[in-house]
């Protein structure tokens, strides 16, 4: 299957009509209530690890400011790995990635 550039803009929040129904039909099996409930443990672990990490680095910052963008990018990638790929046993936090 070849992805066309126009396909990149076919997101459920921008679609309407038949296109929206087709996207929703394809996405629905990914986000069942059972799967969402199963993801809460991974999400909680990631959130707890993030809070622990912030508690360690905030006292070390000179002005109370930290670079949080990479932290949240890493959390999003980790959460995607744990949920969408169903890798629930692989919850890890790597806060030292530059």
N, C-alpha and C. Protein backbone atom coordinates (compact mmCIF):
# COMPACT_ATOMS: atom_id res chain seq x y z
N UNK A 1 0.85 -1.18 0.00
CA UNK A 1 0.00 0.00 0.00
C UNK A 1 0.89 1.23 0.00
N UNK A 2 0.63 2.12 -0.91
CA UNK A 2 1.42 3.34 -1.04
C UNK A 2 0.66 4.50 -0.42
N UNK A 3 1.29 5.20 0.49
CA UNK A 3 0.67 6.34 1.15
C UNK A 3 0.87 7.59 0.30
N UNK A 4 -0.21 8.22 -0.03
CA UNK A 4 -0.16 9.45 -0.81
C UNK A 4 -0.08 10.64 0.14
N UNK A 5 0.50 11.75 -0.34
CA UNK A 5 0.62 12.94 0.49
C UNK A 5 -0.75 13.41 1.00
N UNK A 6 -1.76 13.32 0.17
CA UNK A 6 -3.10 13.74 0.58
C UNK A 6 -3.62 12.89 1.73
N UNK A 7 -3.16 11.65 1.85
CA UNK A 7 -3.61 10.76 2.93
C UNK A 7 -3.16 11.26 4.29
N UNK A 8 -2.07 11.98 4.34
CA UNK A 8 -1.55 12.48 5.61
C UNK A 8 -2.55 13.43 6.25
N UNK A 9 -3.32 14.12 5.44
CA UNK A 9 -4.29 15.09 5.95
C UNK A 9 -5.65 14.48 6.25
N UNK A 10 -5.78 13.19 6.09
CA UNK A 10 -7.04 12.51 6.37
C UNK A 10 -7.04 12.07 7.83
N UNK A 11 -7.31 12.99 8.69
CA UNK A 11 -7.39 12.69 10.12
C UNK A 11 -8.84 12.79 10.55
N UNK A 12 -9.17 12.06 11.59
CA UNK A 12 -10.57 11.98 12.01
C UNK A 12 -11.12 13.34 12.44
N UNK A 13 -10.26 14.19 12.98
CA UNK A 13 -10.75 15.48 13.43
C UNK A 13 -10.97 16.46 12.28
N UNK A 14 -10.42 16.19 11.10
CA UNK A 14 -10.61 17.06 9.94
C UNK A 14 -11.58 16.47 8.91
N UNK A 15 -11.87 15.19 9.04
CA UNK A 15 -12.73 14.52 8.05
C UNK A 15 -14.20 14.79 8.34
N UNK A 16 -15.00 14.52 7.32
CA UNK A 16 -16.45 14.63 7.48
C UNK A 16 -17.12 13.64 6.54
N UNK A 17 -18.39 13.40 6.80
CA UNK A 17 -19.17 12.54 5.92
C UNK A 17 -18.65 11.12 5.84
N UNK A 18 -18.66 10.58 4.61
CA UNK A 18 -18.22 9.19 4.39
C UNK A 18 -16.78 8.97 4.80
N UNK A 19 -15.95 9.97 4.57
CA UNK A 19 -14.54 9.83 4.95
C UNK A 19 -14.40 9.67 6.46
N UNK A 20 -15.17 10.46 7.24
CA UNK A 20 -15.13 10.36 8.70
C UNK A 20 -15.59 8.98 9.14
N UNK A 21 -16.69 8.48 8.56
CA UNK A 21 -17.19 7.15 8.94
C UNK A 21 -16.16 6.06 8.64
N UNK A 22 -15.49 6.16 7.50
CA UNK A 22 -14.48 5.16 7.15
C UNK A 22 -13.31 5.20 8.13
N UNK A 23 -12.84 6.39 8.48
CA UNK A 23 -11.74 6.51 9.44
C UNK A 23 -12.16 5.99 10.81
N UNK A 24 -13.35 6.34 11.24
CA UNK A 24 -13.83 5.90 12.55
C UNK A 24 -13.97 4.38 12.60
N UNK A 25 -14.47 3.80 11.54
CA UNK A 25 -14.62 2.34 11.47
C UNK A 25 -13.26 1.65 11.60
N UNK A 26 -12.22 2.23 11.00
CA UNK A 26 -10.88 1.64 11.07
C UNK A 26 -10.23 1.86 12.43
N UNK A 27 -10.52 2.98 13.08
CA UNK A 27 -9.90 3.29 14.36
C UNK A 27 -10.60 2.64 15.56
N UNK A 28 -11.87 2.39 15.45
CA UNK A 28 -12.65 1.90 16.59
C UNK A 28 -12.06 0.66 17.26
N UNK A 29 -11.58 -0.35 16.53
CA UNK A 29 -11.03 -1.53 17.21
C UNK A 29 -9.78 -1.23 18.05
N UNK A 30 -9.11 -0.14 17.75
CA UNK A 30 -7.90 0.21 18.49
C UNK A 30 -8.22 0.76 19.87
N UNK A 31 -9.36 1.42 20.00
CA UNK A 31 -9.68 2.13 21.23
C UNK A 31 -10.95 1.59 21.89
N UNK A 32 -11.00 0.29 22.10
CA UNK A 32 -12.14 -0.29 22.81
C UNK A 32 -12.02 0.02 24.29
N UNK A 33 -13.12 -0.04 25.01
CA UNK A 33 -13.08 0.26 26.44
C UNK A 33 -12.16 -0.71 27.18
N UNK A 34 -12.12 -1.96 26.77
CA UNK A 34 -11.24 -2.94 27.40
C UNK A 34 -9.77 -2.60 27.20
N UNK A 35 -9.41 -2.17 25.99
CA UNK A 35 -8.02 -1.80 25.73
C UNK A 35 -7.65 -0.54 26.50
N UNK A 36 -8.55 0.43 26.54
CA UNK A 36 -8.27 1.65 27.30
C UNK A 36 -8.05 1.34 28.77
N UNK A 37 -8.86 0.46 29.33
CA UNK A 37 -8.68 0.08 30.74
C UNK A 37 -7.35 -0.63 30.94
N UNK A 38 -6.95 -1.42 29.97
CA UNK A 38 -5.68 -2.13 30.07
C UNK A 38 -4.47 -1.21 30.00
N UNK A 39 -4.65 -0.06 29.41
CA UNK A 39 -3.53 0.89 29.26
C UNK A 39 -3.31 1.73 30.51
N UNK A 40 -4.26 1.74 31.43
CA UNK A 40 -4.14 2.64 32.58
C UNK A 40 -2.93 2.31 33.44
N UNK A 41 -2.58 1.05 33.58
CA UNK A 41 -1.41 0.69 34.40
C UNK A 41 -0.13 1.26 33.78
N UNK A 42 0.00 1.11 32.46
CA UNK A 42 1.18 1.65 31.78
C UNK A 42 1.21 3.17 31.88
N UNK A 43 0.07 3.81 31.69
CA UNK A 43 0.02 5.27 31.76
C UNK A 43 0.36 5.76 33.16
N UNK A 44 -0.13 5.05 34.17
CA UNK A 44 0.17 5.44 35.55
C UNK A 44 1.65 5.29 35.86
N UNK A 45 2.26 4.20 35.38
CA UNK A 45 3.70 3.98 35.61
C UNK A 45 4.52 5.08 34.94
N UNK A 46 4.18 5.43 33.72
CA UNK A 46 4.89 6.49 33.01
C UNK A 46 4.73 7.82 33.75
N UNK A 47 3.52 8.12 34.21
CA UNK A 47 3.28 9.36 34.95
C UNK A 47 4.06 9.39 36.26
N UNK A 48 4.05 8.28 36.99
CA UNK A 48 4.79 8.21 38.25
C UNK A 48 6.29 8.38 38.02
N UNK A 49 6.83 7.71 37.00
CA UNK A 49 8.26 7.84 36.69
C UNK A 49 8.61 9.27 36.31
N UNK A 50 7.73 9.92 35.58
CA UNK A 50 7.96 11.31 35.18
C UNK A 50 7.97 12.22 36.40
N UNK A 51 7.03 12.03 37.29
CA UNK A 51 6.99 12.86 38.50
C UNK A 51 8.23 12.64 39.35
N UNK A 52 8.69 11.41 39.48
CA UNK A 52 9.91 11.12 40.23
C UNK A 52 11.11 11.82 39.59
N UNK A 53 11.17 11.75 38.27
CA UNK A 53 12.27 12.39 37.55
C UNK A 53 12.24 13.91 37.74
N UNK A 54 11.07 14.51 37.64
CA UNK A 54 10.94 15.96 37.83
C UNK A 54 11.34 16.36 39.25
N UNK A 55 10.98 15.54 40.22
CA UNK A 55 11.35 15.83 41.61
C UNK A 55 12.86 15.82 41.79
N UNK A 56 13.57 15.02 40.99
CA UNK A 56 15.03 14.97 41.07
C UNK A 56 15.69 16.14 40.38
N UNK A 57 15.16 16.54 39.22
CA UNK A 57 15.87 17.55 38.44
C UNK A 57 15.47 18.98 38.77
N UNK A 58 14.28 19.21 39.28
CA UNK A 58 13.86 20.59 39.57
C UNK A 58 14.75 21.27 40.61
N UNK A 59 15.13 20.59 41.70
CA UNK A 59 16.01 21.27 42.66
C UNK A 59 17.38 21.64 42.07
N UNK A 60 17.79 20.95 41.03
CA UNK A 60 19.10 21.20 40.41
C UNK A 60 19.05 22.35 39.41
N UNK A 61 17.86 22.74 38.97
CA UNK A 61 17.79 23.82 37.98
C UNK A 61 18.00 25.15 38.69
N UNK A 62 18.76 26.00 38.07
CA UNK A 62 19.12 27.28 38.69
C UNK A 62 17.94 28.23 38.82
N UNK A 63 17.11 28.27 37.80
CA UNK A 63 16.03 29.25 37.80
C UNK A 63 14.64 28.62 37.90
N UNK A 64 14.59 27.34 38.21
CA UNK A 64 13.31 26.66 38.33
C UNK A 64 12.70 26.29 36.99
N UNK A 65 13.46 26.46 35.92
CA UNK A 65 12.97 26.11 34.59
C UNK A 65 13.72 24.89 34.07
N UNK A 66 13.00 24.05 33.37
CA UNK A 66 13.61 22.87 32.76
C UNK A 66 13.11 22.73 31.33
N UNK A 67 13.85 21.99 30.52
CA UNK A 67 13.43 21.68 29.15
C UNK A 67 12.50 20.49 29.23
N UNK A 68 11.24 20.72 28.95
CA UNK A 68 10.25 19.66 29.15
C UNK A 68 9.79 19.03 27.83
N UNK A 69 10.11 19.67 26.73
CA UNK A 69 9.64 19.17 25.44
C UNK A 69 10.11 17.74 25.17
N UNK A 70 11.39 17.48 25.34
CA UNK A 70 11.91 16.13 25.09
C UNK A 70 11.34 15.12 26.07
N UNK A 71 11.11 15.56 27.28
CA UNK A 71 10.52 14.68 28.28
C UNK A 71 9.14 14.21 27.83
N UNK A 72 8.32 15.14 27.38
CA UNK A 72 6.98 14.77 26.92
C UNK A 72 7.01 14.01 25.61
N UNK A 73 7.97 14.31 24.75
CA UNK A 73 8.10 13.54 23.51
C UNK A 73 8.43 12.08 23.84
N UNK A 74 9.34 11.90 24.78
CA UNK A 74 9.70 10.55 25.21
C UNK A 74 8.52 9.82 25.84
N UNK A 75 7.75 10.55 26.65
CA UNK A 75 6.57 9.94 27.26
C UNK A 75 5.56 9.52 26.20
N UNK A 76 5.36 10.36 25.20
CA UNK A 76 4.41 10.03 24.14
C UNK A 76 4.86 8.79 23.37
N UNK A 77 6.15 8.73 23.07
CA UNK A 77 6.68 7.56 22.35
C UNK A 77 6.56 6.31 23.21
N UNK A 78 6.88 6.43 24.48
CA UNK A 78 6.79 5.30 25.39
C UNK A 78 5.35 4.82 25.54
N UNK A 79 4.44 5.76 25.67
CA UNK A 79 3.04 5.40 25.80
C UNK A 79 2.53 4.73 24.53
N UNK A 80 2.95 5.22 23.38
CA UNK A 80 2.57 4.60 22.11
C UNK A 80 3.07 3.17 22.05
N UNK A 81 4.31 2.97 22.46
CA UNK A 81 4.90 1.63 22.46
C UNK A 81 4.10 0.70 23.37
N UNK A 82 3.73 1.19 24.51
CA UNK A 82 3.05 0.34 25.50
C UNK A 82 1.60 0.07 25.15
N UNK A 83 0.97 0.98 24.46
CA UNK A 83 -0.46 0.84 24.21
C UNK A 83 -0.74 0.33 22.81
N UNK A 84 -0.40 1.10 21.83
CA UNK A 84 -0.74 0.73 20.45
C UNK A 84 -0.04 -0.56 20.05
N UNK A 85 1.20 -0.73 20.45
CA UNK A 85 1.92 -1.95 20.11
C UNK A 85 1.67 -3.06 21.11
N UNK A 86 0.90 -2.76 22.14
CA UNK A 86 0.53 -3.74 23.17
C UNK A 86 1.76 -4.33 23.85
N UNK A 87 2.76 -3.51 24.08
CA UNK A 87 3.98 -3.96 24.74
C UNK A 87 3.92 -3.55 26.21
N UNK A 88 2.93 -4.04 26.93
CA UNK A 88 2.68 -3.58 28.29
C UNK A 88 3.82 -3.90 29.25
N UNK A 89 4.56 -4.93 29.01
CA UNK A 89 5.66 -5.27 29.90
C UNK A 89 6.92 -4.47 29.64
N UNK A 90 6.86 -3.57 28.69
CA UNK A 90 8.06 -2.84 28.28
C UNK A 90 8.04 -1.39 28.74
N UNK A 91 7.35 -1.08 29.81
CA UNK A 91 7.28 0.29 30.30
C UNK A 91 8.63 0.66 30.89
N UNK A 92 9.30 1.56 30.23
CA UNK A 92 10.60 2.02 30.71
C UNK A 92 10.67 3.52 30.57
N UNK A 93 11.50 4.14 31.33
CA UNK A 93 11.70 5.58 31.22
C UNK A 93 13.17 5.82 30.99
N UNK A 94 13.47 6.54 29.94
CA UNK A 94 14.84 6.91 29.67
C UNK A 94 14.89 8.43 29.60
N UNK A 95 15.19 9.05 30.73
CA UNK A 95 15.18 10.49 30.81
C UNK A 95 16.51 11.12 30.43
N UNK A 96 17.50 10.28 30.11
CA UNK A 96 18.82 10.81 29.79
C UNK A 96 19.06 10.97 28.29
N UNK A 97 18.05 10.72 27.47
CA UNK A 97 18.20 10.83 26.02
C UNK A 97 18.35 12.31 25.67
N UNK A 98 19.34 12.60 24.88
CA UNK A 98 19.60 14.00 24.47
C UNK A 98 19.13 14.23 23.07
